Full PDB file with SEQRES, HELIX, SHEET, SSBOND, CRYST1, ORIGX, SCALE, CONECT and MASTER records, all heavy atoms in Angstrom:
SEQRES   1 A   34  TRP LYS ASN LEU THR LEU THR LEU PRO PRO ASP THR ASN          
SEQRES   2 A   34  GLN GLN MET ALA ARG LEU LYS SER ILE THR PRO GLU PRO          
SEQRES   3 A   34  SER ASN VAL ARG LEU ASP LYS ASP                              
CRYST1    1.000    1.000    1.000  90.00  90.00  90.00 P 1           1          
ORIGX1      1.000000  0.000000  0.000000        0.00000                         
ORIGX2      0.000000  1.000000  0.000000        0.00000                         
ORIGX3      0.000000  0.000000  1.000000        0.00000                         
SCALE1      1.000000  0.000000  0.000000        0.00000                         
SCALE2      0.000000  1.000000  0.000000        0.00000                         
SCALE3      0.000000  0.000000  1.000000        0.00000                         
ATOM      1  N   TRP A   1      78.558 102.898 128.642  1.00  0.00           N  
ATOM      2  CA  TRP A   1      79.678 101.976 128.780  1.00  0.00           C  
ATOM      3  C   TRP A   1      80.290 101.729 127.397  1.00  0.00           C  
ATOM      4  O   TRP A   1      79.573 101.630 126.405  1.00  0.00           O  
ATOM      5  CB  TRP A   1      79.212 100.648 129.383  1.00  0.00           C  
ATOM      6  CG  TRP A   1      78.959 100.741 130.862  1.00  0.00           C  
ATOM      7  CD1 TRP A   1      77.808 101.157 131.487  1.00  0.00           C  
ATOM      8  CD2 TRP A   1      79.886 100.448 131.890  1.00  0.00           C  
ATOM      9  NE1 TRP A   1      77.939 101.143 132.833  1.00  0.00           N  
ATOM     10  CE2 TRP A   1      79.220 100.696 133.128  1.00  0.00           C  
ATOM     11  CE3 TRP A   1      81.198 100.003 131.924  1.00  0.00           C  
ATOM     12  CZ2 TRP A   1      79.834 100.508 134.363  1.00  0.00           C  
ATOM     13  CZ3 TRP A   1      81.811  99.790 133.148  1.00  0.00           C  
ATOM     14  CH2 TRP A   1      81.139 100.046 134.342  1.00  0.00           C  
ATOM     15  N   LYS A   2      81.613 101.606 127.361  1.00  0.00           N  
ATOM     16  CA  LYS A   2      82.272 101.504 126.059  1.00  0.00           C  
ATOM     17  C   LYS A   2      83.528 100.626 126.154  1.00  0.00           C  
ATOM     18  O   LYS A   2      84.238 100.641 127.166  1.00  0.00           O  
ATOM     19  CB  LYS A   2      82.676 102.903 125.563  1.00  0.00           C  
ATOM     20  CG  LYS A   2      83.106 102.979 124.111  1.00  0.00           C  
ATOM     21  CD  LYS A   2      83.306 104.434 123.698  1.00  0.00           C  
ATOM     22  CE  LYS A   2      83.684 104.558 122.240  1.00  0.00           C  
ATOM     23  NZ  LYS A   2      83.882 105.979 121.842  1.00  0.00           N  
ATOM     24  N   ASN A   3      83.775  99.839 125.083  1.00  0.00           N  
ATOM     25  CA  ASN A   3      84.998  99.044 124.986  1.00  0.00           C  
ATOM     26  C   ASN A   3      86.069  99.857 124.261  1.00  0.00           C  
ATOM     27  O   ASN A   3      85.859 100.293 123.123  1.00  0.00           O  
ATOM     28  CB  ASN A   3      84.754  97.742 124.221  1.00  0.00           C  
ATOM     29  CG  ASN A   3      83.948  96.749 125.033  1.00  0.00           C  
ATOM     30  OD1 ASN A   3      83.989  96.755 126.256  1.00  0.00           O  
ATOM     31  ND2 ASN A   3      83.214  95.881 124.355  1.00  0.00           N  
ATOM     32  N   LEU A   4      87.205 100.064 124.918  1.00  0.00           N  
ATOM     33  CA  LEU A   4      88.322 100.782 124.321  1.00  0.00           C  
ATOM     34  C   LEU A   4      89.486  99.810 124.132  1.00  0.00           C  
ATOM     35  O   LEU A   4      89.672  98.875 124.923  1.00  0.00           O  
ATOM     36  CB  LEU A   4      88.760 101.953 125.206  1.00  0.00           C  
ATOM     37  CG  LEU A   4      87.703 103.024 125.459  1.00  0.00           C  
ATOM     38  CD1 LEU A   4      88.260 104.108 126.370  1.00  0.00           C  
ATOM     39  CD2 LEU A   4      87.228 103.635 124.154  1.00  0.00           C  
ATOM     40  N   THR A   5      90.264 100.031 123.077  1.00  0.00           N  
ATOM     41  CA  THR A   5      91.362  99.109 122.766  1.00  0.00           C  
ATOM     42  C   THR A   5      92.708  99.826 122.829  1.00  0.00           C  
ATOM     43  O   THR A   5      92.798 101.026 122.556  1.00  0.00           O  
ATOM     44  CB  THR A   5      91.189  98.491 121.368  1.00  0.00           C  
ATOM     45  OG1 THR A   5      91.183  99.527 120.386  1.00  0.00           O  
ATOM     46  CG2 THR A   5      89.914  97.686 121.280  1.00  0.00           C  
ATOM     47  N   LEU A   6      93.733  99.058 123.175  1.00  0.00           N  
ATOM     48  CA  LEU A   6      95.099  99.560 123.228  1.00  0.00           C  
ATOM     49  C   LEU A   6      95.976  98.625 122.403  1.00  0.00           C  
ATOM     50  O   LEU A   6      96.012  97.414 122.654  1.00  0.00           O  
ATOM     51  CB  LEU A   6      95.599  99.608 124.677  1.00  0.00           C  
ATOM     52  CG  LEU A   6      97.049 100.039 124.898  1.00  0.00           C  
ATOM     53  CD1 LEU A   6      97.242 101.486 124.476  1.00  0.00           C  
ATOM     54  CD2 LEU A   6      97.440  99.854 126.354  1.00  0.00           C  
ATOM     55  N   THR A   7      96.673  99.187 121.399  1.00  0.00           N  
ATOM     56  CA  THR A   7      97.554  98.366 120.554  1.00  0.00           C  
ATOM     57  C   THR A   7      98.850  98.088 121.303  1.00  0.00           C  
ATOM     58  O   THR A   7      99.505  99.004 121.802  1.00  0.00           O  
ATOM     59  CB  THR A   7      97.860  99.085 119.230  1.00  0.00           C  
ATOM     60  OG1 THR A   7      96.627  99.348 118.552  1.00  0.00           O  
ATOM     61  CG2 THR A   7      98.734  98.215 118.338  1.00  0.00           C  
ATOM     62  N   LEU A   8      99.235  96.809 121.359  1.00  0.00           N  
ATOM     63  CA  LEU A   8     100.436  96.402 122.074  1.00  0.00           C  
ATOM     64  C   LEU A   8     101.638  96.433 121.147  1.00  0.00           C  
ATOM     65  O   LEU A   8     101.484  96.362 119.921  1.00  0.00           O  
ATOM     66  CB  LEU A   8     100.241  94.995 122.647  1.00  0.00           C  
ATOM     67  CG  LEU A   8      99.020  94.847 123.578  1.00  0.00           C  
ATOM     68  CD1 LEU A   8      98.885  93.418 124.059  1.00  0.00           C  
ATOM     69  CD2 LEU A   8      99.139  95.796 124.772  1.00  0.00           C  
ATOM     70  N   PRO A   9     102.863  96.553 121.713  1.00  0.00           N  
ATOM     71  CA  PRO A   9     104.056  96.586 120.852  1.00  0.00           C  
ATOM     72  C   PRO A   9     104.107  95.382 119.929  1.00  0.00           C  
ATOM     73  O   PRO A   9     104.028  94.231 120.395  1.00  0.00           O  
ATOM     74  CB  PRO A   9     105.208  96.566 121.869  1.00  0.00           C  
ATOM     75  CG  PRO A   9     104.628  97.178 123.098  1.00  0.00           C  
ATOM     76  CD  PRO A   9     103.191  96.729 123.128  1.00  0.00           C  
ATOM     77  N   PRO A  10     104.233  95.607 118.623  1.00  0.00           N  
ATOM     78  CA  PRO A  10     104.140  94.503 117.662  1.00  0.00           C  
ATOM     79  C   PRO A  10     105.499  93.897 117.323  1.00  0.00           C  
ATOM     80  O   PRO A  10     106.548  94.466 117.623  1.00  0.00           O  
ATOM     81  CB  PRO A  10     103.564  95.190 116.419  1.00  0.00           C  
ATOM     82  CG  PRO A  10     104.185  96.559 116.479  1.00  0.00           C  
ATOM     83  CD  PRO A  10     104.307  96.905 117.937  1.00  0.00           C  
ATOM     84  N   ASP A  11     105.494  92.733 116.685  1.00  0.00           N  
ATOM     85  CA  ASP A  11     106.689  92.179 116.052  1.00  0.00           C  
ATOM     86  C   ASP A  11     106.834  92.850 114.686  1.00  0.00           C  
ATOM     87  O   ASP A  11     105.861  92.934 113.932  1.00  0.00           O  
ATOM     88  CB  ASP A  11     106.563  90.667 115.850  1.00  0.00           C  
ATOM     89  CG  ASP A  11     106.716  89.901 117.160  1.00  0.00           C  
ATOM     90  OD1 ASP A  11     107.178  90.502 118.147  1.00  0.00           O  
ATOM     91  OD2 ASP A  11     106.380  88.717 117.197  1.00  0.00           O  
ATOM     92  N   THR A  12     108.011  93.336 114.388  1.00  0.00           N  
ATOM     93  CA  THR A  12     108.268  93.957 113.089  1.00  0.00           C  
ATOM     94  C   THR A  12     109.523  93.351 112.500  1.00  0.00           C  
ATOM     95  O   THR A  12     110.112  92.425 113.062  1.00  0.00           O  
ATOM     96  CB  THR A  12     108.452  95.486 113.226  1.00  0.00           C  
ATOM     97  OG1 THR A  12     109.668  95.748 113.948  1.00  0.00           O  
ATOM     98  CG2 THR A  12     107.291  96.118 113.958  1.00  0.00           C  
ATOM     99  N   ASN A  13     109.943  93.903 111.377  1.00  0.00           N  
ATOM    100  CA  ASN A  13     111.145  93.399 110.732  1.00  0.00           C  
ATOM    101  C   ASN A  13     112.386  93.608 111.592  1.00  0.00           C  
ATOM    102  O   ASN A  13     113.373  92.896 111.465  1.00  0.00           O  
ATOM    103  CB  ASN A  13     111.342  94.096 109.379  1.00  0.00           C  
ATOM    104  CG  ASN A  13     112.482  93.496 108.600  1.00  0.00           C  
ATOM    105  OD1 ASN A  13     112.589  92.294 108.483  1.00  0.00           O  
ATOM    106  ND2 ASN A  13     113.355  94.337 108.073  1.00  0.00           N  
ATOM    107  N   GLN A  14     112.381  94.584 112.497  1.00  0.00           N  
ATOM    108  CA  GLN A  14     113.550  94.888 113.305  1.00  0.00           C  
ATOM    109  C   GLN A  14     113.351  94.628 114.792  1.00  0.00           C  
ATOM    110  O   GLN A  14     114.212  94.970 115.593  1.00  0.00           O  
ATOM    111  CB  GLN A  14     113.979  96.342 113.091  1.00  0.00           C  
ATOM    112  CG  GLN A  14     114.499  96.602 111.696  1.00  0.00           C  
ATOM    113  CD  GLN A  14     115.165  97.961 111.593  1.00  0.00           C  
ATOM    114  OE1 GLN A  14     115.359  98.648 112.573  1.00  0.00           O  
ATOM    115  NE2 GLN A  14     115.525  98.341 110.389  1.00  0.00           N  
ATOM    116  N   GLN A  15     112.226  94.039 115.190  1.00  0.00           N  
ATOM    117  CA  GLN A  15     112.064  93.766 116.608  1.00  0.00           C  
ATOM    118  C   GLN A  15     111.129  92.589 116.839  1.00  0.00           C  
ATOM    119  O   GLN A  15     110.232  92.319 116.046  1.00  0.00           O  
ATOM    120  CB  GLN A  15     111.543  94.992 117.353  1.00  0.00           C  
ATOM    121  CG  GLN A  15     110.069  95.316 117.068  1.00  0.00           C  
ATOM    122  CD  GLN A  15     109.579  96.492 117.882  1.00  0.00           C  
ATOM    123  OE1 GLN A  15     110.302  97.432 118.135  1.00  0.00           O  
ATOM    124  NE2 GLN A  15     108.331  96.437 118.313  1.00  0.00           N  
ATOM    125  N   MET A  16     111.395  91.866 117.945  1.00  0.00           N  
ATOM    126  CA  MET A  16     110.505  90.813 118.425  1.00  0.00           C  
ATOM    127  C   MET A  16     110.108  91.184 119.850  1.00  0.00           C  
ATOM    128  O   MET A  16     110.970  91.450 120.692  1.00  0.00           O  
ATOM    129  CB  MET A  16     111.190  89.449 118.391  1.00  0.00           C  
ATOM    130  CG  MET A  16     111.504  88.954 116.989  1.00  0.00           C  
ATOM    131  SD  MET A  16     112.217  87.290 116.995  1.00  0.00           S  
ATOM    132  CE  MET A  16     110.809  86.345 117.595  1.00  0.00           C  
ATOM    133  N   ALA A  17     108.820  91.256 120.098  1.00  0.00           N  
ATOM    134  CA  ALA A  17     108.323  91.726 121.388  1.00  0.00           C  
ATOM    135  C   ALA A  17     107.644  90.592 122.160  1.00  0.00           C  
ATOM    136  O   ALA A  17     106.924  89.772 121.582  1.00  0.00           O  
ATOM    137  CB  ALA A  17     107.338  92.873 121.175  1.00  0.00           C  
ATOM    138  N   ARG A  18     107.895  90.549 123.501  1.00  0.00           N  
ATOM    139  CA  ARG A  18     107.242  89.583 124.368  1.00  0.00           C  
ATOM    140  C   ARG A  18     106.604  90.338 125.520  1.00  0.00           C  
ATOM    141  O   ARG A  18     107.288  91.015 126.294  1.00  0.00           O  
ATOM    142  CB  ARG A  18     108.231  88.544 124.899  1.00  0.00           C  
ATOM    143  CG  ARG A  18     107.574  87.427 125.703  1.00  0.00           C  
ATOM    144  CD  ARG A  18     108.577  86.359 126.032  1.00  0.00           C  
ATOM    145  NE  ARG A  18     109.542  86.803 127.030  1.00  0.00           N  
ATOM    146  CZ  ARG A  18     109.360  86.696 128.347  1.00  0.00           C  
ATOM    147  NH1 ARG A  18     108.232  86.192 128.823  1.00  0.00           N  
ATOM    148  NH2 ARG A  18     110.288  87.108 129.182  1.00  0.00           N  
ATOM    149  N   LEU A  19     105.297  90.224 125.633  1.00  0.00           N  
ATOM    150  CA  LEU A  19     104.549  90.951 126.650  1.00  0.00           C  
ATOM    151  C   LEU A  19     104.830  90.370 128.036  1.00  0.00           C  
ATOM    152  O   LEU A  19     104.688  89.166 128.260  1.00  0.00           O  
ATOM    153  CB  LEU A  19     103.060  90.880 126.336  1.00  0.00           C  
ATOM    154  CG  LEU A  19     102.130  91.674 127.234  1.00  0.00           C  
ATOM    155  CD1 LEU A  19     102.401  93.161 127.102  1.00  0.00           C  
ATOM    156  CD2 LEU A  19     100.681  91.354 126.898  1.00  0.00           C  
ATOM    157  N   LYS A  20     105.253  91.235 128.974  1.00  0.00           N  
ATOM    158  CA  LYS A  20     105.521  90.786 130.345  1.00  0.00           C  
ATOM    159  C   LYS A  20     104.303  90.983 131.236  1.00  0.00           C  
ATOM    160  O   LYS A  20     103.905  90.087 131.975  1.00  0.00           O  
ATOM    161  CB  LYS A  20     106.714  91.545 130.935  1.00  0.00           C  
ATOM    162  CG  LYS A  20     108.061  91.144 130.362  1.00  0.00           C  
ATOM    163  CD  LYS A  20     109.194  91.779 131.156  1.00  0.00           C  
ATOM    164  CE  LYS A  20     109.233  91.237 132.587  1.00  0.00           C  
ATOM    165  NZ  LYS A  20     110.387  91.799 133.340  1.00  0.00           N  
ATOM    166  N   SER A  21     103.698  92.181 131.168  1.00  0.00           N  
ATOM    167  CA  SER A  21     102.539  92.440 132.037  1.00  0.00           C  
ATOM    168  C   SER A  21     101.710  93.595 131.504  1.00  0.00           C  
ATOM    169  O   SER A  21     102.221  94.465 130.795  1.00  0.00           O  
ATOM    170  CB  SER A  21     103.002  92.757 133.467  1.00  0.00           C  
ATOM    171  OG  SER A  21     103.758  93.958 133.482  1.00  0.00           O  
ATOM    172  N   ILE A  22     100.406  93.561 131.850  1.00  0.00           N  
ATOM    173  CA  ILE A  22      99.497  94.677 131.576  1.00  0.00           C  
ATOM    174  C   ILE A  22      98.759  94.970 132.875  1.00  0.00           C  
ATOM    175  O   ILE A  22      98.113  94.076 133.453  1.00  0.00           O  
ATOM    176  CB  ILE A  22      98.474  94.356 130.468  1.00  0.00           C  
ATOM    177  CG1 ILE A  22      99.167  93.941 129.186  1.00  0.00           C  
ATOM    178  CG2 ILE A  22      97.580  95.563 130.215  1.00  0.00           C  
ATOM    179  CD1 ILE A  22      98.190  93.626 128.056  1.00  0.00           C  
ATOM    180  N   THR A  23      98.837  96.211 133.358  1.00  0.00           N  
ATOM    181  CA  THR A  23      98.173  96.602 134.597  1.00  0.00           C  
ATOM    182  C   THR A  23      97.301  97.828 134.340  1.00  0.00           C  
ATOM    183  O   THR A  23      97.812  98.851 133.872  1.00  0.00           O  
ATOM    184  CB  THR A  23      99.204  96.932 135.694  1.00  0.00           C  
ATOM    185  OG1 THR A  23     100.107  95.835 135.832  1.00  0.00           O  
ATOM    186  CG2 THR A  23      98.525  97.192 137.025  1.00  0.00           C  
ATOM    187  N   PRO A  24      95.978  97.746 134.629  1.00  0.00           N  
ATOM    188  CA  PRO A  24      95.228  96.584 135.119  1.00  0.00           C  
ATOM    189  C   PRO A  24      95.005  95.537 134.033  1.00  0.00           C  
ATOM    190  O   PRO A  24      95.268  95.799 132.863  1.00  0.00           O  
ATOM    191  CB  PRO A  24      93.914  97.204 135.572  1.00  0.00           C  
ATOM    192  CG  PRO A  24      93.746  98.386 134.678  1.00  0.00           C  
ATOM    193  CD  PRO A  24      95.122  98.922 134.456  1.00  0.00           C  
ATOM    194  N   GLU A  25      94.524  94.385 134.423  1.00  0.00           N  
ATOM    195  CA  GLU A  25      94.307  93.298 133.476  1.00  0.00           C  
ATOM    196  C   GLU A  25      93.178  93.640 132.508  1.00  0.00           C  
ATOM    197  O   GLU A  25      92.108  94.099 132.929  1.00  0.00           O  
ATOM    198  CB  GLU A  25      93.979  92.007 134.236  1.00  0.00           C  
ATOM    199  CG  GLU A  25      93.872  90.793 133.334  1.00  0.00           C  
ATOM    200  CD  GLU A  25      93.640  89.528 134.129  1.00  0.00           C  
ATOM    201  OE1 GLU A  25      93.754  89.579 135.379  1.00  0.00           O  
ATOM    202  OE2 GLU A  25      93.333  88.505 133.512  1.00  0.00           O  
ATOM    203  N   PRO A  26      93.382  93.444 131.211  1.00  0.00           N  
ATOM    204  CA  PRO A  26      92.324  93.760 130.224  1.00  0.00           C  
ATOM    205  C   PRO A  26      91.203  92.723 130.260  1.00  0.00           C  
ATOM    206  O   PRO A  26      91.389  91.605 130.767  1.00  0.00           O  
ATOM    207  CB  PRO A  26      93.072  93.723 128.897  1.00  0.00           C  
ATOM    208  CG  PRO A  26      94.194  92.762 129.137  1.00  0.00           C  
ATOM    209  CD  PRO A  26      94.609  92.954 130.561  1.00  0.00           C  
ATOM    210  N   SER A  27      90.065  93.107 129.723  1.00  0.00           N  
ATOM    211  CA  SER A  27      88.950  92.161 129.635  1.00  0.00           C  
ATOM    212  C   SER A  27      89.165  91.136 128.532  1.00  0.00           C  
ATOM    213  O   SER A  27      88.625  90.026 128.582  1.00  0.00           O  
ATOM    214  CB  SER A  27      87.646  92.925 129.382  1.00  0.00           C  
ATOM    215  OG  SER A  27      87.746  93.681 128.167  1.00  0.00           O  
ATOM    216  N   ASN A  28      90.005  91.484 127.544  1.00  0.00           N  
ATOM    217  CA  ASN A  28      90.252  90.566 126.428  1.00  0.00           C  
ATOM    218  C   ASN A  28      91.496  91.023 125.664  1.00  0.00           C  
ATOM    219  O   ASN A  28      91.795  92.221 125.603  1.00  0.00           O  
ATOM    220  CB  ASN A  28      89.048  90.547 125.472  1.00  0.00           C  
ATOM    221  CG  ASN A  28      89.217  89.541 124.355  1.00  0.00           C  
ATOM    222  OD1 ASN A  28      89.821  88.493 124.555  1.00  0.00           O  
ATOM    223  ND2 ASN A  28      88.693  89.852 123.186  1.00  0.00           N  
ATOM    224  N   VAL A  29      92.239  90.053 125.117  1.00  0.00           N  
ATOM    225  CA  VAL A  29      93.363  90.339 124.233  1.00  0.00           C  
ATOM    226  C   VAL A  29      93.130  89.592 122.934  1.00  0.00           C  
ATOM    227  O   VAL A  29      92.880  88.376 122.950  1.00  0.00           O  
ATOM    228  CB  VAL A  29      94.717  89.906 124.855  1.00  0.00           C  
ATOM    229  CG1 VAL A  29      95.854  90.167 123.867  1.00  0.00           C  
ATOM    230  CG2 VAL A  29      94.985  90.654 126.160  1.00  0.00           C  
ATOM    231  N   ARG A  30      93.184  90.292 121.804  1.00  0.00           N  
ATOM    232  CA  ARG A  30      92.848  89.673 120.525  1.00  0.00           C  
ATOM    233  C   ARG A  30      93.666  90.291 119.398  1.00  0.00           C  
ATOM    234  O   ARG A  30      94.382  91.283 119.596  1.00  0.00           O  
ATOM    235  CB  ARG A  30      91.364  89.858 120.215  1.00  0.00           C  
ATOM    236  CG  ARG A  30      90.954  91.323 120.089  1.00  0.00           C  
ATOM    237  CD  ARG A  30      89.488  91.497 119.729  1.00  0.00           C  
ATOM    238  NE  ARG A  30      89.119  92.899 119.701  1.00  0.00           N  
ATOM    239  CZ  ARG A  30      89.332  93.717 118.664  1.00  0.00           C  
ATOM    240  NH1 ARG A  30      89.921  93.256 117.567  1.00  0.00           N  
ATOM    241  NH2 ARG A  30      88.942  94.979 118.707  1.00  0.00           N  
ATOM    242  N   LEU A  31      93.557  89.693 118.219  1.00  0.00           N  
ATOM    243  CA  LEU A  31      94.174  90.240 117.010  1.00  0.00           C  
ATOM    244  C   LEU A  31      93.110  90.994 116.228  1.00  0.00           C  
ATOM    245  O   LEU A  31      91.986  90.499 116.033  1.00  0.00           O  
ATOM    246  CB  LEU A  31      94.750  89.119 116.138  1.00  0.00           C  
ATOM    247  CG  LEU A  31      95.976  88.373 116.682  1.00  0.00           C  
ATOM    248  CD1 LEU A  31      96.351  87.243 115.737  1.00  0.00           C  
ATOM    249  CD2 LEU A  31      97.157  89.320 116.839  1.00  0.00           C  
ATOM    250  N   ASP A  32      93.450  92.176 115.743  1.00  0.00           N  
ATOM    251  CA  ASP A  32      92.496  92.897 114.905  1.00  0.00           C  
ATOM    252  C   ASP A  32      92.627  92.443 113.449  1.00  0.00           C  
ATOM    253  O   ASP A  32      93.438  91.570 113.127  1.00  0.00           O  
ATOM    254  CB  ASP A  32      92.674  94.417 115.046  1.00  0.00           C  
ATOM    255  CG  ASP A  32      94.006  94.912 114.507  1.00  0.00           C  
ATOM    256  OD1 ASP A  32      94.749  94.115 113.904  1.00  0.00           O  
ATOM    257  OD2 ASP A  32      94.305  96.099 114.695  1.00  0.00           O  
ATOM    258  N   LYS A  33      91.870  93.036 112.548  1.00  0.00           N  
ATOM    259  CA  LYS A  33      91.853  92.602 111.158  1.00  0.00           C  
ATOM    260  C   LYS A  33      93.176  92.827 110.443  1.00  0.00           C  
ATOM    261  O   LYS A  33      93.457  92.214 109.417  1.00  0.00           O  
ATOM    262  CB  LYS A  33      90.721  93.298 110.398  1.00  0.00           C  
ATOM    263  CG  LYS A  33      90.867  94.814 110.335  1.00  0.00           C  
ATOM    264  CD  LYS A  33      89.709  95.452 109.585  1.00  0.00           C  
ATOM    265  CE  LYS A  33      89.880  96.962 109.512  1.00  0.00           C  
ATOM    266  NZ  LYS A  33      88.755  97.595 108.763  1.00  0.00           N  
ATOM    267  N   ASP A  34      94.002  93.748 110.991  1.00  0.00           N  
ATOM    268  CA  ASP A  34      95.312  94.021 110.385  1.00  0.00           C  
ATOM    269  C   ASP A  34      96.419  93.162 110.979  1.00  0.00           C  
ATOM    270  O   ASP A  34      97.589  93.312 110.616  1.00  0.00           O  
ATOM    271  CB  ASP A  34      95.672  95.495 110.544  1.00  0.00           C  
ATOM    272  CG  ASP A  34      94.720  96.408 109.810  1.00  0.00           C  
ATOM    273  OD1 ASP A  34      94.299  96.040 108.699  1.00  0.00           O  
ATOM    274  OD2 ASP A  34      94.407  97.475 110.352  1.00  0.00           O  
TER     275      ASP A  34                                                      
MASTER        0    0    0    0    0    0    0    6  274    1    0    3          
END                                                                             
């Protein structure tokens, strides 16, 4: 068994992103060290 991560669209100097949905639902959403 293994935990895999998916990087979500970030806020940058030229964009602001708002997450609408993730299918299927993740076990956790967090910020990484970067």
